[in-house]
Amino acid sequence: MSKITFLGAGSTVFAKNVLGDCMLTDALQGFELALFDIDHERLADSERILTNLKKTSGSTCVIKSYKDRKEALRGAKYVVNAIQVGGYDPCTITDFEIPKKVGLRQTIADTVGIGGIFRNLRTIPVMLDFAEDMREVCPDAWFLNYTNPMAVLTNVMNTYGGMRTVGLCHSVQACVPDLFHNLGMDASGVQAKIAGINHMAWLLEATKDGVDLYPEIKKRAREKQKEKHHDMVRFEMMLKFGYYITESSEHNAEYHPYFIKKTYPELIEHYNIPLDEYPRRCVNQIASWAKMREELLQEQDLKHTRSHEYASYIFEAMETNNPFKIGGNVMNTGGLISNLPREACVEVPCLVDRSGVTPTYVGDLPPQCAALNRTNINTQLLTIEAAMTRKKEHIYHAAMLDPHTAAELSLDDIVALCDDLIEAHGSWLPEYR
């Protein structure tokens, strides 16, 4: 029996979506859907909900939960990763509150920035443990990573974990529909080309019937910027740098040195930037989970419609050899994006079929777009250096090179902040020399 293993299956709603999709896919019938999570209560909830969904969908997939990670992975053909190391309390709270004491404010803190660096440092050792288990019990499996920080973790699993890994993010498939909806334009029939790095990939082309839609997009964006709305940072970046970015304005506000600044506090109001957005979401989600949990557990006639998540379509393409196109995070091997570092993880169009995930060659990004990507890649690569060498100096280097952190703090302040965060994380971080 072929097997799909879901690590972090206590993310019940996401597991329901991804594995519910698998249950509705003809090519995946008869697969074992193996569930693993260190939170055994959430694991049991997910197993119960998915078992209920199996009955209502008529799927022949087998649902099985495991408390031993290696056994969950044993013999897997595909592995889906959706873990969060340290959770909201204490680690996300630490990532936000310690920097806030020195005036460094954040919105999401899960990709780059000081929060992204420390999320990486506590997650990379766990990911490498996964890789060690997989090399022993399922060495040929494909690893689908949904966990942030996407670029660094996908890079580490490929470069140091030795596993065939592709990183998947919702921002690629949502980019064009969201942009066109916000501008009151029809997205049907639009051809798009997107490439860059995760959370900062660029809508390089948007055409319909051979007509370039960017002039109309920018015309409407200029008008929309005259009033406050939820996507002001991305529109401003597009109007200044020429291209729209895949990930949301609340994310991109902290990827650049231009928007969250102590000396320009009026920018927060002007660009409608939601400081502390991720902790706020966490608190709301925790508060609403109990009610949602009861509804899901009590619903005897649970229904599911196949979602836009890539996972089941990737598995289907690999099983049937019917090609499927995705936007995937892969290594920049051979210079897929020729003006970004070869050792970086990039987000490019990929073809999926029985041979696996085959990235496409993009060539040069517009020089200003590549330059902005490199500012974030610098921090990503130094974070990996810190994690693999366990040298504290590389944590400092990663933070010093981060655009937002460097724009707000002095070199000495950055070093002191990193030391405070290392101490505050305590046992959540490995030892650094």
Protein backbone atom coordinates (compact mmCIF):
# COMPACT_ATOMS: atom_id res chain seq x y z
CA MET A 1 0.00 0.00 0.00
CA SER A 2 1.40 3.42 -0.97
CA LYS A 3 1.61 5.98 1.81
CA ILE A 4 1.32 9.74 2.31
CA THR A 5 2.65 10.92 5.69
CA PHE A 6 1.51 14.23 7.18
CA LEU A 7 3.90 15.71 9.77
CA GLY A 8 2.14 18.31 11.92
CA ALA A 9 -1.24 16.63 11.48
CA GLY A 10 -2.48 18.45 14.59
CA SER A 11 -2.96 21.41 12.25
CA THR A 12 -6.43 19.97 11.91
CA VAL A 13 -8.03 22.32 9.38
CA PHE A 14 -5.00 22.29 7.09
CA ALA A 15 -4.68 18.49 7.37
CA LYS A 16 -8.39 18.21 6.53
CA ASN A 17 -7.90 20.34 3.43
CA VAL A 18 -4.78 18.61 2.09
CA LEU A 19 -5.74 15.04 2.97
CA GLY A 20 -9.40 15.67 2.16
CA ASP A 21 -8.18 16.64 -1.32
CA CYS A 22 -6.27 13.36 -1.49
CA MET A 23 -9.40 11.41 -0.56
CA LEU A 24 -11.24 13.01 -3.48
CA THR A 25 -8.47 12.15 -5.99
CA ASP A 26 -9.01 8.95 -7.98
CA ALA A 27 -5.30 8.26 -8.43
CA LEU A 28 -4.77 8.26 -4.65
CA GLN A 29 -7.49 5.79 -3.67
CA GLY A 30 -6.16 2.99 -1.49
CA PHE A 31 -3.29 5.10 -0.16
CA GLU A 32 -2.57 5.08 3.55
CA LEU A 33 -2.81 8.61 4.99
CA ALA A 34 -0.42 8.49 7.94
CA LEU A 35 -0.83 11.19 10.61
CA PHE A 36 1.84 12.31 13.05
CA ASP A 37 1.96 15.12 15.61
CA ILE A 38 3.63 15.59 19.00
CA ASP A 39 0.28 16.93 20.33
CA HIS A 40 -1.61 13.68 20.76
CA GLU A 41 -4.94 15.36 21.53
CA ARG A 42 -4.86 17.35 18.29
CA LEU A 43 -3.67 14.22 16.48
CA ALA A 44 -6.69 12.29 17.73
CA ASP A 45 -9.00 15.12 16.63
CA SER A 46 -7.54 15.05 13.12
CA GLU A 47 -7.86 11.27 12.87
CA ARG A 48 -11.50 11.42 13.94
CA ILE A 49 -12.38 14.22 11.51
CA LEU A 50 -10.57 12.57 8.58
CA THR A 51 -12.18 9.19 9.37
CA ASN A 52 -15.58 10.89 9.28
CA LEU A 53 -14.68 12.56 5.98
CA LYS A 54 -13.57 9.21 4.56
CA LYS A 55 -17.03 7.79 5.24
CA THR A 56 -18.92 10.67 3.67
CA SER A 57 -16.63 10.87 0.62
CA GLY A 58 -16.63 7.14 -0.09
CA SER A 59 -12.82 7.18 -0.26
CA THR A 60 -10.86 3.94 0.00
CA CYS A 61 -7.89 5.70 1.62
CA VAL A 62 -6.82 4.30 5.00
CA ILE A 63 -6.51 6.79 7.87
CA LYS A 64 -3.96 5.90 10.54
CA SER A 65 -2.34 8.00 13.26
CA TYR A 66 1.10 7.32 14.75
CA LYS A 67 2.86 8.36 17.95
CA ASP A 68 6.23 7.16 16.63
CA ARG A 69 7.50 9.52 13.93
CA LYS A 70 9.81 7.02 12.27
CA GLU A 71 6.98 4.50 11.94
CA ALA A 72 4.73 7.18 10.48
CA LEU A 73 7.41 7.84 7.87
CA ARG A 74 8.36 4.23 7.17
CA GLY A 75 7.79 3.37 3.52
CA ALA A 76 6.17 6.74 2.69
CA LYS A 77 6.08 7.76 -0.95
CA TYR A 78 5.18 11.36 -0.14
CA VAL A 79 5.63 13.43 3.03
CA VAL A 80 3.77 16.68 3.78
CA ASN A 81 5.27 19.00 6.40
CA ALA A 82 3.18 21.58 8.27
CA ILE A 83 4.85 21.89 11.66
CA GLN A 84 5.42 24.97 13.82
CA VAL A 85 8.21 24.66 16.36
CA GLY A 86 7.56 26.51 19.60
CA GLY A 87 4.05 27.63 18.70
CA TYR A 88 2.52 30.96 19.61
CA ASP A 89 3.31 30.62 23.31
CA PRO A 90 6.17 30.94 24.06
CA CYS A 91 8.13 31.34 20.83
CA THR A 92 6.06 33.72 18.70
CA ILE A 93 5.51 35.91 21.75
CA THR A 94 9.28 35.96 22.31
CA ASP A 95 9.96 36.80 18.64
CA PHE A 96 7.75 39.90 18.93
CA GLU A 97 8.11 41.13 22.50
CA ILE A 98 11.91 41.10 22.90
CA PRO A 99 12.55 43.18 19.73
CA LYS A 100 9.74 45.51 20.70
CA LYS A 101 11.71 46.50 23.82
CA VAL A 102 14.35 48.11 21.61
CA GLY A 103 11.82 49.69 19.27
CA LEU A 104 11.94 47.05 16.51
CA ARG A 105 8.36 46.43 15.40
CA GLN A 106 7.14 43.58 13.18
CA THR A 107 3.95 42.45 11.45
CA ILE A 108 4.29 38.69 10.77
CA ALA A 109 7.89 37.69 11.64
CA ASP A 110 7.82 34.28 9.99
CA THR A 111 10.07 34.69 6.93
CA VAL A 112 13.01 37.08 7.32
CA GLY A 113 13.53 39.85 9.85
CA ILE A 114 14.61 39.09 13.39
CA GLY A 115 11.53 36.90 13.96
CA GLY A 116 12.13 34.89 10.80
CA ILE A 117 15.77 34.30 11.73
CA PHE A 118 14.88 32.84 15.13
CA ARG A 119 11.97 30.81 13.77
CA ASN A 120 14.48 29.26 11.39
CA LEU A 121 17.05 28.57 14.09
CA ARG A 122 14.59 26.60 16.22
CA THR A 123 13.00 24.79 13.25
CA ILE A 124 16.06 23.69 11.24
CA PRO A 125 17.25 21.07 13.80
CA VAL A 126 13.77 19.48 13.80
CA MET A 127 13.70 19.41 10.00
CA LEU A 128 17.12 17.75 9.91
CA ASP A 129 15.81 15.13 12.35
CA PHE A 130 12.99 14.46 9.87
CA ALA A 131 15.56 14.10 7.10
CA GLU A 132 17.63 11.66 9.15
CA ASP A 133 14.56 9.46 9.74
CA MET A 134 13.55 9.69 6.09
CA ARG A 135 16.97 8.69 4.80
CA GLU A 136 16.58 5.52 6.87
CA VAL A 137 12.94 4.55 6.29
CA CYS A 138 11.75 6.34 3.09
CA PRO A 139 14.83 7.62 1.24
CA ASP A 140 13.04 8.02 -2.11
CA ALA A 141 10.08 10.02 -0.78
CA TRP A 142 9.18 13.48 -2.03
CA PHE A 143 9.04 16.04 0.80
CA LEU A 144 6.44 18.80 0.38
CA ASN A 145 7.22 21.66 2.73
CA TYR A 146 4.45 24.06 3.75
CA THR A 147 6.25 25.39 6.85
CA ASN A 148 7.68 28.91 7.06
CA PRO A 149 10.31 30.26 6.77
CA MET A 150 9.81 28.59 3.39
CA ALA A 151 12.99 29.47 1.49
CA VAL A 152 15.45 28.57 4.24
CA LEU A 153 13.77 25.34 5.34
CA THR A 154 13.34 24.10 1.77
CA ASN A 155 16.99 24.97 1.10
CA VAL A 156 18.17 23.08 4.18
CA MET A 157 16.16 19.95 3.36
CA ASN A 158 17.63 19.86 -0.16
CA THR A 159 21.18 20.94 0.65
CA TYR A 160 21.82 19.32 4.03
CA GLY A 161 18.90 16.92 4.51
CA GLY A 162 19.48 15.10 1.24
CA MET A 163 15.74 14.83 0.53
CA ARG A 164 13.91 15.66 -2.68
CA THR A 165 12.05 18.72 -1.45
CA VAL A 166 9.73 21.29 -2.98
CA GLY A 167 8.35 24.21 -0.99
CA LEU A 168 4.73 25.21 -1.52
CA CYS A 169 3.13 28.57 -0.71
CA HIS A 170 -0.41 29.85 -1.28
CA SER A 171 0.82 33.25 -2.43
CA VAL A 172 1.61 32.16 -5.99
CA GLN A 173 -1.82 30.83 -6.96
CA ALA A 174 -3.57 33.66 -5.06
CA CYS A 175 -1.53 36.50 -6.60
CA VAL A 176 -3.42 37.21 -9.83
CA PRO A 177 -6.97 36.51 -8.57
CA ASP A 178 -6.46 38.75 -5.52
CA LEU A 179 -4.82 41.59 -7.47
CA PHE A 180 -7.47 41.63 -10.18
CA HIS A 181 -10.31 41.39 -7.65
CA ASN A 182 -8.89 44.33 -5.68
CA LEU A 183 -8.66 46.43 -8.85
CA GLY A 184 -12.09 45.43 -10.20
CA MET A 185 -10.59 43.62 -13.18
CA ASP A 186 -11.55 40.26 -14.69
CA ALA A 187 -8.85 37.63 -14.07
CA SER A 188 -10.33 34.98 -16.35
CA GLY A 189 -8.07 34.04 -19.24
CA VAL A 190 -5.09 35.96 -17.84
CA GLN A 191 -1.66 34.50 -18.56
CA ALA A 192 0.82 35.20 -15.78
CA LYS A 193 4.53 34.63 -15.29
CA ILE A 194 5.75 34.67 -11.68
CA ALA A 195 9.30 34.18 -10.38
CA GLY A 196 11.57 35.37 -7.58
CA ILE A 197 11.90 34.11 -4.01
CA ASN A 198 9.20 32.98 -1.63
CA HIS A 199 6.98 35.84 -0.42
CA MET A 200 8.87 38.15 -2.78
CA ALA A 201 8.22 36.64 -6.18
CA TRP A 202 7.32 39.02 -8.97
CA LEU A 203 4.38 39.11 -11.32
CA LEU A 204 6.67 39.58 -14.31
CA GLU A 205 3.96 39.36 -16.95
CA ALA A 206 0.17 39.64 -16.97
CA THR A 207 -1.39 39.37 -20.43
CA LYS A 208 -4.75 38.51 -21.96
CA ASP A 209 -5.11 37.61 -25.64
CA GLY A 210 -1.59 38.95 -26.14
CA VAL A 211 -2.34 42.33 -24.55
CA ASP A 212 -0.07 43.59 -21.73
CA LEU A 213 -2.34 44.32 -18.75
CA TYR A 214 0.27 46.10 -16.63
CA PRO A 215 -0.55 49.64 -17.90
CA GLU A 216 -4.17 49.22 -16.79
CA ILE A 217 -3.13 47.56 -13.52
CA LYS A 218 -0.85 50.48 -12.64
CA LYS A 219 -3.39 53.08 -13.70
CA ARG A 220 -6.00 51.58 -11.35
CA ALA A 221 -3.43 51.08 -8.59
CA ARG A 222 -2.51 54.80 -8.66
CA GLU A 223 -6.17 55.71 -8.21
CA LYS A 224 -6.65 53.16 -5.43
CA GLN A 225 -3.63 54.52 -3.53
CA LYS A 226 -5.51 57.80 -3.03
CA GLU A 227 -7.67 56.04 -0.43
CA LYS A 228 -6.70 53.73 2.40
CA HIS A 229 -6.94 50.00 1.61
CA HIS A 230 -5.40 46.71 2.78
CA ASP A 231 -2.74 46.32 0.06
CA MET A 232 -1.02 49.70 0.05
CA VAL A 233 2.54 48.45 0.58
CA ARG A 234 2.46 46.13 -2.43
CA PHE A 235 0.88 48.75 -4.64
CA GLU A 236 3.54 51.27 -3.58
CA MET A 237 6.31 48.76 -4.29
CA MET A 238 4.82 48.05 -7.72
CA LEU A 239 4.54 51.74 -8.58
CA LYS A 240 8.11 52.42 -7.41
CA PHE A 241 9.85 49.23 -8.64
CA GLY A 242 7.63 48.25 -11.56
CA TYR A 243 6.23 44.84 -10.60
CA TYR A 244 3.64 43.40 -8.21
CA ILE A 245 4.81 41.07 -5.41
CA THR A 246 3.12 37.76 -4.60
CA GLU A 247 2.84 37.97 -0.81
CA SER A 248 0.61 40.33 1.18
CA SER A 249 1.33 43.89 2.21
CA GLU A 250 1.51 43.00 5.90
CA HIS A 251 4.35 40.58 5.06
CA ASN A 252 6.19 42.87 2.67
CA ALA A 253 6.07 45.83 5.03
CA GLU A 254 8.79 44.11 7.09
CA TYR A 255 10.89 42.74 4.21
CA HIS A 256 12.12 46.18 3.17
CA PRO A 257 13.63 49.18 4.98
CA TYR A 258 11.01 51.64 3.73
CA PHE A 259 7.81 51.25 5.73
CA ILE A 260 8.21 50.46 9.46
CA LYS A 261 10.47 53.20 10.82
CA LYS A 262 10.70 54.81 14.25
CA THR A 263 11.72 58.12 12.70
CA TYR A 264 8.74 58.10 10.32
CA PRO A 265 5.86 56.87 12.51
CA GLU A 266 3.34 58.44 10.14
CA LEU A 267 4.14 55.74 7.55
CA ILE A 268 2.31 53.12 9.64
CA GLU A 269 -0.91 55.07 9.32
CA HIS A 270 -0.27 56.18 5.74
CA TYR A 271 0.32 52.66 4.41
CA ASN A 272 -2.19 51.00 6.74
CA ILE A 273 0.41 48.64 8.21
CA PRO A 274 -0.93 46.20 10.85
CA LEU A 275 1.86 45.96 13.42
CA ASP A 276 1.76 42.78 15.57
CA GLU A 277 -0.62 41.23 13.05
CA TYR A 278 0.53 37.63 13.47
CA PRO A 279 0.18 37.51 17.28
CA ARG A 280 -3.28 39.02 16.88
CA ARG A 281 -4.22 36.28 14.42
CA CYS A 282 -2.85 33.63 16.77
CA VAL A 283 -4.90 34.89 19.70
CA ASN A 284 -8.08 35.00 17.58
CA GLN A 285 -7.44 31.55 16.16
CA ILE A 286 -6.84 30.05 19.61
CA ALA A 287 -10.03 31.70 20.89
CA SER A 288 -12.12 30.37 17.99
CA TRP A 289 -10.58 26.88 17.85
CA ALA A 290 -12.68 25.38 20.66
CA LYS A 291 -15.94 26.24 18.88
CA MET A 292 -14.58 25.16 15.49
CA ARG A 293 -13.29 21.91 16.99
CA GLU A 294 -16.67 21.02 18.40
CA GLU A 295 -18.39 21.77 15.10
CA LEU A 296 -15.93 19.61 13.16
CA LEU A 297 -16.03 16.73 15.64
CA GLN A 298 -19.81 16.73 15.94
CA GLU A 299 -20.51 17.05 12.21
CA GLN A 300 -21.52 13.54 11.13
CA ASP A 301 -22.10 14.47 7.50
CA LEU A 302 -18.79 16.26 6.99
CA LYS A 303 -18.26 17.43 3.42
CA HIS A 304 -15.16 18.56 1.55
CA THR A 305 -14.58 20.18 -1.82
CA ARG A 306 -11.15 19.83 -3.38
CA SER A 307 -9.17 22.95 -2.51
CA HIS A 308 -6.56 24.98 -4.41
CA GLU A 309 -3.70 23.48 -2.36
CA TYR A 310 -1.05 22.04 -4.65
CA ALA A 311 -0.30 18.81 -2.72
CA SER A 312 -2.98 16.48 -4.13
CA TYR A 313 -2.42 17.77 -7.67
CA ILE A 314 1.31 17.08 -7.33
CA PHE A 315 0.65 13.54 -6.11
CA GLU A 316 -1.88 13.02 -8.90
CA ALA A 317 0.56 14.21 -11.57
CA MET A 318 3.30 11.95 -10.25
CA GLU A 319 0.96 8.94 -10.08
CA THR A 320 -0.74 9.40 -13.47
CA ASN A 321 2.02 11.13 -15.48
CA ASN A 322 -0.51 13.81 -16.47
CA PRO A 323 1.55 17.02 -16.21
CA PHE A 324 0.59 19.78 -13.78
CA LYS A 325 2.18 23.22 -13.45
CA ILE A 326 2.94 24.72 -10.05
CA GLY A 327 4.85 27.63 -8.59
CA GLY A 328 7.43 25.80 -6.49
CA ASN A 329 10.31 26.64 -4.19
CA VAL A 330 13.42 24.83 -5.42
CA MET A 331 17.17 25.29 -5.41
CA ASN A 332 18.53 27.75 -7.98
CA THR A 333 20.61 24.95 -9.47
CA GLY A 334 22.18 25.91 -12.76
CA GLY A 335 20.93 29.46 -12.37
CA LEU A 336 17.19 29.06 -12.99
CA ILE A 337 17.07 32.76 -12.12
CA SER A 338 20.42 33.76 -13.55
CA ASN A 339 20.96 36.97 -11.57
CA LEU A 340 20.31 35.38 -8.15
CA PRO A 341 22.83 33.26 -6.19
CA ARG A 342 23.03 29.59 -7.22
CA GLU A 343 22.92 28.48 -3.56
CA ALA A 344 19.60 30.27 -2.95
CA CYS A 345 16.12 28.76 -2.93
CA VAL A 346 13.97 30.40 -5.61
CA GLU A 347 10.27 30.32 -6.50
CA VAL A 348 9.73 29.50 -10.18
CA PRO A 349 7.21 27.75 -12.44
CA CYS A 350 7.70 23.96 -12.27
CA LEU A 351 6.31 21.05 -14.27
CA VAL A 352 5.20 18.01 -12.28
CA ASP A 353 4.81 14.52 -13.77
CA ARG A 354 5.98 10.97 -13.03
CA SER A 355 9.61 12.09 -13.22
CA GLY A 356 9.07 14.49 -10.31
CA VAL A 357 9.25 18.26 -10.06
CA THR A 358 11.11 19.88 -12.97
CA PRO A 359 11.77 23.62 -12.53
CA THR A 360 11.75 25.93 -15.55
CA TYR A 361 14.48 28.35 -16.56
CA VAL A 362 13.52 32.00 -16.01
CA GLY A 363 16.72 33.89 -16.84
CA ASP A 364 17.39 37.36 -15.44
CA LEU A 365 14.83 39.14 -13.30
CA PRO A 366 14.54 42.89 -13.86
CA PRO A 367 17.66 44.22 -12.08
CA GLN A 368 15.77 46.13 -9.39
CA CYS A 369 13.70 43.02 -8.56
CA ALA A 370 16.79 40.81 -8.34
CA ALA A 371 18.46 43.43 -6.11
CA LEU A 372 15.52 43.44 -3.68
CA ASN A 373 15.49 39.62 -3.63
CA ARG A 374 19.20 39.54 -2.85
CA THR A 375 18.72 41.71 0.25
CA ASN A 376 16.55 38.94 1.69
CA ILE A 377 18.66 36.07 0.32
CA ASN A 378 21.68 37.50 2.20
CA THR A 379 19.88 37.00 5.52
CA GLN A 380 18.55 33.58 4.48
CA LEU A 381 22.01 32.23 3.61
CA LEU A 382 23.64 33.61 6.76
CA THR A 383 20.85 32.07 8.85
CA ILE A 384 21.64 28.68 7.29
CA GLU A 385 25.33 29.26 8.02
CA ALA A 386 24.49 29.96 11.66
CA ALA A 387 22.30 26.86 11.97
CA MET A 388 24.82 24.51 10.37
CA THR A 389 27.97 25.82 12.10
CA ARG A 390 26.32 26.71 15.44
CA LYS A 391 28.39 29.89 15.46
CA LYS A 392 26.68 32.80 17.14
CA GLU A 393 28.55 35.32 14.98
CA HIS A 394 26.55 34.19 11.93
CA ILE A 395 23.28 34.91 13.76
CA TYR A 396 24.59 38.44 14.18
CA HIS A 397 25.55 38.58 10.50
CA ALA A 398 22.10 37.41 9.40
CA ALA A 399 20.42 40.08 11.54
CA MET A 400 22.85 42.82 10.50
CA LEU A 401 22.06 42.10 6.85
CA ASP A 402 18.30 42.08 7.32
CA PRO A 403 16.93 45.25 5.64
CA HIS A 404 14.35 46.19 8.26
CA THR A 405 16.49 45.38 11.30
CA ALA A 406 19.51 47.24 9.90
CA ALA A 407 17.39 50.29 9.10
CA GLU A 408 16.22 50.58 12.71
CA LEU A 409 19.12 49.46 14.94
CA SER A 410 22.86 50.01 15.31
CA LEU A 411 25.33 47.14 14.98
CA ASP A 412 25.77 46.95 18.76
CA ASP A 413 22.01 47.04 19.28
CA ILE A 414 21.57 44.15 16.84
CA VAL A 415 24.18 42.01 18.60
CA ALA A 416 22.59 42.72 21.99
CA LEU A 417 19.12 41.93 20.65
CA CYS A 418 20.29 38.60 19.23
CA ASP A 419 21.88 37.70 22.57
CA ASP A 420 18.65 38.57 24.39
CA LEU A 421 16.62 36.42 21.98
CA ILE A 422 19.00 33.48 22.34
CA GLU A 423 18.67 33.69 26.12
CA ALA A 424 14.89 34.12 26.00
CA HIS A 425 14.42 31.11 23.71
CA GLY A 426 16.35 28.93 26.14
CA SER A 427 15.88 25.23 25.41
CA TRP A 428 14.02 25.96 22.16
CA LEU A 429 17.38 26.75 20.54
CA PRO A 430 20.47 24.55 20.24
CA GLU A 431 23.73 25.76 21.78
CA TYR A 432 25.66 28.41 19.86
CA ARG A 433 29.37 29.05 20.27
